Amino acid sequence: MRTKPYTRQIKTRIRELGADLAGVADIEPLQALETNPTDLLQGFTRAVSIAVHLPAAVFETISDKPNPLYNATYQTANRMLDELALRTANSLEKDGYSSLPVPASQILDQEKWLAAISHKAVARMAGLGWQGKNLLLITPEYGSRVRLVTVLTEAPLAVDGPVKNRCGTCTQCRDACPARAIKGASTTDHYQDREEALHFSRCAEKLSAEFARMTDIGNYICGVCIKACPFGRSTASR
């Protein structure tokens, strides 16, 4: 099988299912990630990162806290991503390649706030964007206005690579953060530890003790730093 044509075919399938972005990461550099279970990556050679974007207008309804409209959009995107991952995994399996969909939004370690794998780290290695000062993935097309999911596979897919960090001297996410959690530290590659970028406990406390307890929210969401990011705000700001 010719790797590049097959990879293009798979990406086209994923976009036809409703995804906005898709990229492929090599599993080997991801072995350093903390996963749940610890052998999650065993037997796989590639990780397919899939993104759907959330309309910029939704974020314009946010002031200094999340609202029910954003919450509903967030949840819809997660459901859509889980279906995309399942259908992608099934499609790859029909081609003869073992594949595993990893849920889009599922915190398995409540103490460390960790999922089965970091979708953001996979997406960065798959070339969808870079790690911003808000610790989120920032895509050139949509900024952080995306939700992500991962499919692990043994399919012989051509690997994409990380893209250049374009945050520069911008500190708009830091200045907007209602928890004052974003430090504004720069990185050319990625942060070795999330504390390099965030006062993480401040962010976690704001989400769990305040925002998640709001009427019609009930989830660990915010959206303020995402709204502040100039990438994805409008066509003119890309």
C-alpha atoms as a PDB file:
ATOM      1  CA  MET A   1       0.000   0.000   0.000  1.00  0.00           C
ATOM      2  CA  ARG A   2       1.254   3.476  -0.865  1.00  0.00           C
ATOM      3  CA  THR A   3       1.381   5.368   2.429  1.00  0.00           C
ATOM      4  CA  LYS A   4       0.755   8.951   1.324  1.00  0.00           C
ATOM      5  CA  PRO A   5      -2.259   8.277  -0.934  1.00  0.00           C
ATOM      6  CA  TYR A   6      -3.816   6.100   1.772  1.00  0.00           C
ATOM      7  CA  THR A   7      -3.245   8.827   4.368  1.00  0.00           C
ATOM      8  CA  ARG A   8      -4.928  11.400   2.116  1.00  0.00           C
ATOM      9  CA  GLN A   9      -7.813   8.986   1.643  1.00  0.00           C
ATOM     10  CA  ILE A  10      -8.262   8.535   5.410  1.00  0.00           C
ATOM     11  CA  LYS A  11      -8.122  12.289   6.065  1.00  0.00           C
ATOM     12  CA  THR A  12     -10.707  12.852   3.355  1.00  0.00           C
ATOM     13  CA  ARG A  13     -12.973  10.242   4.950  1.00  0.00           C
ATOM     14  CA  ILE A  14     -12.639  11.957   8.323  1.00  0.00           C
ATOM     15  CA  ARG A  15     -13.493  15.378   6.909  1.00  0.00           C
ATOM     16  CA  GLU A  16     -16.456  13.934   5.025  1.00  0.00           C
ATOM     17  CA  LEU A  17     -17.727  12.645   8.372  1.00  0.00           C
ATOM     18  CA  GLY A  18     -17.760  16.232   9.672  1.00  0.00           C
ATOM     19  CA  ALA A  19     -14.291  16.952  11.049  1.00  0.00           C
ATOM     20  CA  ASP A  20     -12.597  20.285  10.369  1.00  0.00           C
ATOM     21  CA  LEU A  21      -8.992  19.162  10.888  1.00  0.00           C
ATOM     22  CA  ALA A  22      -7.152  15.840  10.896  1.00  0.00           C
ATOM     23  CA  GLY A  23      -3.485  14.974  11.330  1.00  0.00           C
ATOM     24  CA  VAL A  24      -1.274  11.998  12.069  1.00  0.00           C
ATOM     25  CA  ALA A  25       1.320  11.666  14.835  1.00  0.00           C
ATOM     26  CA  ASP A  26       4.005   9.041  15.282  1.00  0.00           C
ATOM     27  CA  ILE A  27       3.388   7.032  18.458  1.00  0.00           C
ATOM     28  CA  GLU A  28       7.060   6.879  19.465  1.00  0.00           C
ATOM     29  CA  PRO A  29       7.423  10.515  20.691  1.00  0.00           C
ATOM     30  CA  LEU A  30       4.117  10.122  22.549  1.00  0.00           C
ATOM     31  CA  GLN A  31       5.457   7.269  24.669  1.00  0.00           C
ATOM     32  CA  ALA A  32       6.663   9.860  27.203  1.00  0.00           C
ATOM     33  CA  LEU A  33       3.065  10.945  27.899  1.00  0.00           C
ATOM     34  CA  GLU A  34       1.258   9.771  30.998  1.00  0.00           C
ATOM     35  CA  THR A  35      -1.566   7.496  29.852  1.00  0.00           C
ATOM     36  CA  ASN A  36      -4.397   5.597  31.478  1.00  0.00           C
ATOM     37  CA  PRO A  37      -3.942   2.656  31.317  1.00  0.00           C
ATOM     38  CA  THR A  38      -0.163   2.864  31.243  1.00  0.00           C
ATOM     39  CA  ASP A  39       0.049   0.478  28.279  1.00  0.00           C
ATOM     40  CA  LEU A  40      -2.556   2.372  26.234  1.00  0.00           C
ATOM     41  CA  LEU A  41      -0.193   2.935  23.307  1.00  0.00           C
ATOM     42  CA  GLN A  42       1.086  -0.632  23.147  1.00  0.00           C
ATOM     43  CA  GLY A  43       0.582  -2.251  19.750  1.00  0.00           C
ATOM     44  CA  PHE A  44      -0.123   1.009  17.922  1.00  0.00           C
ATOM     45  CA  THR A  45       2.200   2.960  15.629  1.00  0.00           C
ATOM     46  CA  ARG A  46       0.156   6.062  14.804  1.00  0.00           C
ATOM     47  CA  ALA A  47      -2.256   8.455  16.506  1.00  0.00           C
ATOM     48  CA  VAL A  48      -4.834  10.243  14.392  1.00  0.00           C
ATOM     49  CA  SER A  49      -5.845  13.618  15.814  1.00  0.00           C
ATOM     50  CA  ILE A  50      -9.281  14.928  14.844  1.00  0.00           C
ATOM     51  CA  ALA A  51     -10.670  18.401  15.529  1.00  0.00           C
ATOM     52  CA  VAL A  52     -14.015  20.114  15.160  1.00  0.00           C
ATOM     53  CA  HIS A  53     -14.203  23.865  15.571  1.00  0.00           C
ATOM     54  CA  LEU A  54     -16.662  25.725  17.749  1.00  0.00           C
ATOM     55  CA  PRO A  55     -18.201  28.803  16.079  1.00  0.00           C
ATOM     56  CA  ALA A  56     -16.402  32.002  17.025  1.00  0.00           C
ATOM     57  CA  ALA A  57     -19.762  33.679  17.673  1.00  0.00           C
ATOM     58  CA  VAL A  58     -20.376  31.333  20.603  1.00  0.00           C
ATOM     59  CA  PHE A  59     -17.346  32.745  22.394  1.00  0.00           C
ATOM     60  CA  GLU A  60     -18.531  36.287  21.811  1.00  0.00           C
ATOM     61  CA  THR A  61     -21.437  35.504  24.164  1.00  0.00           C
ATOM     62  CA  ILE A  62     -18.946  34.868  26.993  1.00  0.00           C
ATOM     63  CA  SER A  63     -17.898  37.704  29.290  1.00  0.00           C
ATOM     64  CA  ASP A  64     -15.873  36.608  32.326  1.00  0.00           C
ATOM     65  CA  LYS A  65     -17.445  33.180  32.816  1.00  0.00           C
ATOM     66  CA  PRO A  66     -19.019  30.341  30.809  1.00  0.00           C
ATOM     67  CA  ASN A  67     -22.709  30.383  29.963  1.00  0.00           C
ATOM     68  CA  PRO A  68     -25.333  27.743  29.057  1.00  0.00           C
ATOM     69  CA  LEU A  69     -24.990  28.448  25.327  1.00  0.00           C
ATOM     70  CA  TYR A  70     -21.259  27.737  25.354  1.00  0.00           C
ATOM     71  CA  ASN A  71     -21.803  24.709  27.586  1.00  0.00           C
ATOM     72  CA  ALA A  72     -24.321  23.203  25.144  1.00  0.00           C
ATOM     73  CA  THR A  73     -22.000  23.803  22.182  1.00  0.00           C
ATOM     74  CA  TYR A  74     -19.090  22.264  24.087  1.00  0.00           C
ATOM     75  CA  GLN A  75     -21.076  19.129  24.916  1.00  0.00           C
ATOM     76  CA  THR A  76     -22.389  18.769  21.362  1.00  0.00           C
ATOM     77  CA  ALA A  77     -18.837  18.970  20.002  1.00  0.00           C
ATOM     78  CA  ASN A  78     -17.682  16.245  22.401  1.00  0.00           C
ATOM     79  CA  ARG A  79     -20.485  13.921  21.313  1.00  0.00           C
ATOM     80  CA  MET A  80     -19.694  14.619  17.680  1.00  0.00           C
ATOM     81  CA  LEU A  81     -16.006  13.881  18.250  1.00  0.00           C
ATOM     82  CA  ASP A  82     -16.728  10.579  19.976  1.00  0.00           C
ATOM     83  CA  GLU A  83     -18.813   9.527  16.981  1.00  0.00           C
ATOM     84  CA  LEU A  84     -16.106  10.693  14.575  1.00  0.00           C
ATOM     85  CA  ALA A  85     -13.483   8.696  16.464  1.00  0.00           C
ATOM     86  CA  LEU A  86     -15.649   5.572  16.546  1.00  0.00           C
ATOM     87  CA  ARG A  87     -16.458   5.750  12.843  1.00  0.00           C
ATOM     88  CA  THR A  88     -12.815   6.441  11.964  1.00  0.00           C
ATOM     89  CA  ALA A  89     -11.617   3.488  14.053  1.00  0.00           C
ATOM     90  CA  ASN A  90     -14.220   1.215  12.446  1.00  0.00           C
ATOM     91  CA  SER A  91     -13.220   2.416   8.982  1.00  0.00           C
ATOM     92  CA  LEU A  92      -9.546   1.684   9.646  1.00  0.00           C
ATOM     93  CA  GLU A  93     -10.450  -1.699  11.114  1.00  0.00           C
ATOM     94  CA  LYS A  94     -12.373  -2.585   7.952  1.00  0.00           C
ATOM     95  CA  ASP A  95      -9.162  -1.832   6.060  1.00  0.00           C
ATOM     96  CA  GLY A  96      -7.448  -4.420   8.265  1.00  0.00           C
ATOM     97  CA  TYR A  97      -5.830  -2.211  10.908  1.00  0.00           C
ATOM     98  CA  SER A  98      -6.480  -2.472  14.635  1.00  0.00           C
ATOM     99  CA  SER A  99      -7.646   0.944  15.885  1.00  0.00           C
ATOM    100  CA  LEU A 100      -8.836   2.373  19.195  1.00  0.00           C
ATOM    101  CA  PRO A 101     -10.983   5.501  19.688  1.00  0.00           C
ATOM    102  CA  VAL A 102     -10.112   7.481  22.837  1.00  0.00           C
ATOM    103  CA  PRO A 103     -13.023   9.513  24.317  1.00  0.00           C
ATOM    104  CA  ALA A 104     -12.899  13.249  23.671  1.00  0.00           C
ATOM    105  CA  SER A 105     -13.600  14.473  27.191  1.00  0.00           C
ATOM    106  CA  GLN A 106     -13.155  12.004  30.028  1.00  0.00           C
ATOM    107  CA  ILE A 107     -11.190  12.817  33.179  1.00  0.00           C
ATOM    108  CA  LEU A 108      -9.958   9.528  34.654  1.00  0.00           C
ATOM    109  CA  ASP A 109      -7.621  10.942  37.300  1.00  0.00           C
ATOM    110  CA  GLN A 110      -9.571  13.552  39.262  1.00  0.00           C
ATOM    111  CA  GLU A 111      -6.557  14.462  41.387  1.00  0.00           C
ATOM    112  CA  LYS A 112      -4.210  15.185  38.481  1.00  0.00           C
ATOM    113  CA  TRP A 113      -6.969  16.176  36.032  1.00  0.00           C
ATOM    114  CA  LEU A 114      -5.763  13.677  33.444  1.00  0.00           C
ATOM    115  CA  ALA A 115      -7.583  11.755  30.731  1.00  0.00           C
ATOM    116  CA  ALA A 116      -6.557   8.514  29.016  1.00  0.00           C
ATOM    117  CA  ILE A 117      -4.131  10.583  26.933  1.00  0.00           C
ATOM    118  CA  SER A 118      -3.532  14.267  26.270  1.00  0.00           C
ATOM    119  CA  HIS A 119      -5.437  15.033  23.069  1.00  0.00           C
ATOM    120  CA  LYS A 120      -3.649  18.385  22.957  1.00  0.00           C
ATOM    121  CA  ALA A 121      -0.216  16.730  22.961  1.00  0.00           C
ATOM    122  CA  VAL A 122      -1.278  14.329  20.213  1.00  0.00           C
ATOM    123  CA  ALA A 123      -2.720  17.170  18.128  1.00  0.00           C
ATOM    124  CA  ARG A 124       0.491  19.174  18.462  1.00  0.00           C
ATOM    125  CA  MET A 125       2.589  16.245  17.254  1.00  0.00           C
ATOM    126  CA  ALA A 126       0.064  15.681  14.451  1.00  0.00           C
ATOM    127  CA  GLY A 127       0.660  19.212  13.178  1.00  0.00           C
ATOM    128  CA  LEU A 128      -2.766  20.675  13.925  1.00  0.00           C
ATOM    129  CA  GLY A 129      -1.327  23.578  15.926  1.00  0.00           C
ATOM    130  CA  TRP A 130       1.030  24.597  18.702  1.00  0.00           C
ATOM    131  CA  GLN A 131       0.840  24.760  22.495  1.00  0.00           C
ATOM    132  CA  GLY A 132      -0.258  28.233  23.508  1.00  0.00           C
ATOM    133  CA  LYS A 133       0.451  30.225  26.647  1.00  0.00           C
ATOM    134  CA  ASN A 134      -2.960  29.115  27.916  1.00  0.00           C
ATOM    135  CA  LEU A 135      -1.658  25.509  27.623  1.00  0.00           C
ATOM    136  CA  LEU A 136      -4.312  24.781  24.992  1.00  0.00           C
ATOM    137  CA  LEU A 137      -3.716  23.782  21.406  1.00  0.00           C
ATOM    138  CA  ILE A 138      -3.857  26.804  19.098  1.00  0.00           C
ATOM    139  CA  THR A 139      -4.613  26.131  15.452  1.00  0.00           C
ATOM    140  CA  PRO A 140      -3.827  28.659  12.715  1.00  0.00           C
ATOM    141  CA  GLU A 141      -7.383  28.359  11.386  1.00  0.00           C
ATOM    142  CA  TYR A 142      -9.494  28.454  14.546  1.00  0.00           C
ATOM    143  CA  GLY A 143      -7.202  29.338  17.441  1.00  0.00           C
ATOM    144  CA  SER A 144      -8.208  27.344  20.524  1.00  0.00           C
ATOM    145  CA  ARG A 145     -11.826  27.297  19.347  1.00  0.00           C
ATOM    146  CA  VAL A 146     -11.605  23.550  18.732  1.00  0.00           C
ATOM    147  CA  ARG A 147     -12.349  20.301  20.530  1.00  0.00           C
ATOM    148  CA  LEU A 148     -10.133  17.265  19.977  1.00  0.00           C
ATOM    149  CA  VAL A 149     -10.245  13.488  19.917  1.00  0.00           C
ATOM    150  CA  THR A 150      -7.691  10.759  19.201  1.00  0.00           C
ATOM    151  CA  VAL A 151      -7.725   7.442  17.367  1.00  0.00           C
ATOM    152  CA  LEU A 152      -4.821   5.067  17.985  1.00  0.00           C
ATOM    153  CA  THR A 153      -4.052   2.793  15.054  1.00  0.00           C
ATOM    154  CA  GLU A 154      -1.556   0.448  13.465  1.00  0.00           C
ATOM    155  CA  ALA A 155      -2.455   1.716   9.994  1.00  0.00           C
ATOM    156  CA  PRO A 156       0.566   2.710   7.844  1.00  0.00           C
ATOM    157  CA  LEU A 157      -0.168   6.419   7.756  1.00  0.00           C
ATOM    158  CA  ALA A 158       2.231   9.203   6.779  1.00  0.00           C
ATOM    159  CA  VAL A 159       3.209  11.281   9.809  1.00  0.00           C
ATOM    160  CA  ASP A 160       2.649  15.030  10.077  1.00  0.00           C
ATOM    161  CA  GLY A 161       4.991  17.173  12.159  1.00  0.00           C
ATOM    162  CA  PRO A 162       4.720  19.938  14.747  1.00  0.00           C
ATOM    163  CA  VAL A 163       4.207  23.472  13.465  1.00  0.00           C
ATOM    164  CA  LYS A 164       5.951  26.658  14.596  1.00  0.00           C
ATOM    165  CA  ASN A 165       4.667  28.406  17.703  1.00  0.00           C
ATOM    166  CA  ARG A 166       3.154  31.737  16.643  1.00  0.00           C
ATOM    167  CA  CYS A 167       2.132  33.225  20.003  1.00  0.00           C
ATOM    168  CA  GLY A 168       5.107  35.591  20.032  1.00  0.00           C
ATOM    169  CA  THR A 169       4.821  38.363  22.615  1.00  0.00           C
ATOM    170  CA  CYS A 170       1.009  38.227  22.781  1.00  0.00           C
ATOM    171  CA  THR A 171      -0.395  37.999  26.317  1.00  0.00           C
ATOM    172  CA  GLN A 172      -4.107  38.468  25.637  1.00  0.00           C
ATOM    173  CA  CYS A 173      -5.036  35.080  27.138  1.00  0.00           C
ATOM    174  CA  ARG A 174      -3.031  35.862  30.273  1.00  0.00           C
ATOM    175  CA  ASP A 175      -4.613  39.271  30.659  1.00  0.00           C
ATOM    176  CA  ALA A 176      -8.141  37.891  30.235  1.00  0.00           C
ATOM    177  CA  CYS A 177      -7.871  34.879  32.565  1.00  0.00           C
ATOM    178  CA  PRO A 178     -10.448  35.276  35.380  1.00  0.00           C
ATOM    179  CA  ALA A 179      -8.371  33.057  37.676  1.00  0.00           C
ATOM    180  CA  ARG A 180      -5.103  34.871  36.951  1.00  0.00           C
ATOM    181  CA  ALA A 181      -3.713  31.419  36.276  1.00  0.00           C
ATOM    182  CA  ILE A 182      -1.841  32.003  32.993  1.00  0.00           C
ATOM    183  CA  LYS A 183       1.764  33.041  33.547  1.00  0.00           C
ATOM    184  CA  GLY A 184       2.442  34.260  30.003  1.00  0.00           C
ATOM    185  CA  ALA A 185       5.614  32.196  29.668  1.00  0.00           C
ATOM    186  CA  SER A 186       6.800  31.467  26.137  1.00  0.00           C
ATOM    187  CA  THR A 187       7.913  28.173  24.623  1.00  0.00           C
ATOM    188  CA  THR A 188       9.233  27.401  21.153  1.00  0.00           C
ATOM    189  CA  ASP A 189       8.274  23.732  21.382  1.00  0.00           C
ATOM    190  CA  HIS A 190       6.150  22.669  24.349  1.00  0.00           C
ATOM    191  CA  TYR A 191       6.118  23.087  28.120  1.00  0.00           C
ATOM    192  CA  GLN A 192       7.877  20.291  29.985  1.00  0.00           C
ATOM    193  CA  ASP A 193       5.419  20.730  32.845  1.00  0.00           C
ATOM    194  CA  ARG A 194       2.071  22.533  32.897  1.00  0.00           C
ATOM    195  CA  GLU A 195       3.208  24.591  35.874  1.00  0.00           C
ATOM    196  CA  GLU A 196       5.612  26.328  33.493  1.00  0.00           C
ATOM    197  CA  ALA A 197       2.600  27.848  31.761  1.00  0.00           C
ATOM    198  CA  LEU A 198      -0.066  27.943  34.490  1.00  0.00           C
ATOM    199  CA  HIS A 199      -0.694  28.319  38.153  1.00  0.00           C
ATOM    200  CA  PHE A 200      -2.659  25.146  37.537  1.00  0.00           C
ATOM    201  CA  SER A 201      -4.322  24.975  40.950  1.00  0.00           C
ATOM    202  CA  ARG A 202      -5.865  28.417  40.366  1.00  0.00           C
ATOM    203  CA  CYS A 203      -7.400  27.259  37.085  1.00  0.00           C
ATOM    204  CA  ALA A 204      -8.629  23.972  38.562  1.00  0.00           C
ATOM    205  CA  GLU A 205     -10.161  25.719  41.564  1.00  0.00           C
ATOM    206  CA  LYS A 206     -11.974  28.246  39.383  1.00  0.00           C
ATOM    207  CA  LEU A 207     -13.421  25.516  37.182  1.00  0.00           C
ATOM    208  CA  SER A 208     -14.421  23.057  39.899  1.00  0.00           C
ATOM    209  CA  ALA A 209     -15.419  25.281  42.807  1.00  0.00           C
ATOM    210  CA  GLU A 210     -17.119  28.053  40.845  1.00  0.00           C
ATOM    211  CA  PHE A 211     -17.904  27.480  37.177  1.00  0.00           C
ATOM    212  CA  ALA A 212     -18.954  23.812  37.398  1.00  0.00           C
ATOM    213  CA  ARG A 213     -21.408  24.740  40.153  1.00  0.00           C
ATOM    214  CA  MET A 214     -23.144  27.398  38.112  1.00  0.00           C
ATOM    215  CA  THR A 215     -26.739  26.788  37.034  1.00  0.00           C
ATOM    216  CA  ASP A 216     -26.912  25.001  33.648  1.00  0.00           C
ATOM    217  CA  ILE A 217     -23.133  24.454  33.509  1.00  0.00           C
ATOM    218  CA  GLY A 218     -22.061  21.462  35.613  1.00  0.00           C
ATOM    219  CA  ASN A 219     -18.832  20.984  33.637  1.00  0.00           C
ATOM    220  CA  TYR A 220     -15.218  22.022  34.045  1.00  0.00           C
ATOM    221  CA  ILE A 221     -15.294  24.735  31.376  1.00  0.00           C
ATOM    222  CA  CYS A 222     -14.425  28.414  31.094  1.00  0.00           C
ATOM    223  CA  GLY A 223     -13.763  29.706  27.551  1.00  0.00           C
ATOM    224  CA  VAL A 224     -12.487  33.164  28.507  1.00  0.00           C
ATOM    225  CA  CYS A 225      -8.873  32.662  27.389  1.00  0.00           C
ATOM    226  CA  ILE A 226     -10.114  30.998  24.193  1.00  0.00           C
ATOM    227  CA  LYS A 227     -12.234  34.037  23.373  1.00  0.00           C
ATOM    228  CA  ALA A 228      -9.265  36.340  24.005  1.00  0.00           C
ATOM    229  CA  CYS A 229      -6.935  34.590  21.559  1.00  0.00           C
ATOM    230  CA  PRO A 230      -6.627  36.544  18.289  1.00  0.00           C
ATOM    231  CA  PHE A 231      -6.220  33.343  16.272  1.00  0.00           C
ATOM    232  CA  GLY A 232      -9.632  32.211  15.106  1.00  0.00           C
ATOM    233  CA  ARG A 233     -11.387  35.372  16.280  1.00  0.00           C
ATOM    234  CA  SER A 234     -12.195  36.339  12.706  1.00  0.00           C
ATOM    235  CA  THR A 235     -10.882  35.796   9.202  1.00  0.00           C
ATOM    236  CA  ALA A 236      -8.981  39.066   9.426  1.00  0.00           C
ATOM    237  CA  SER A 237      -7.117  38.003  12.583  1.00  0.00           C
ATOM    238  CA  ARG A 238      -5.789  34.686  11.283  1.00  0.00           C
END
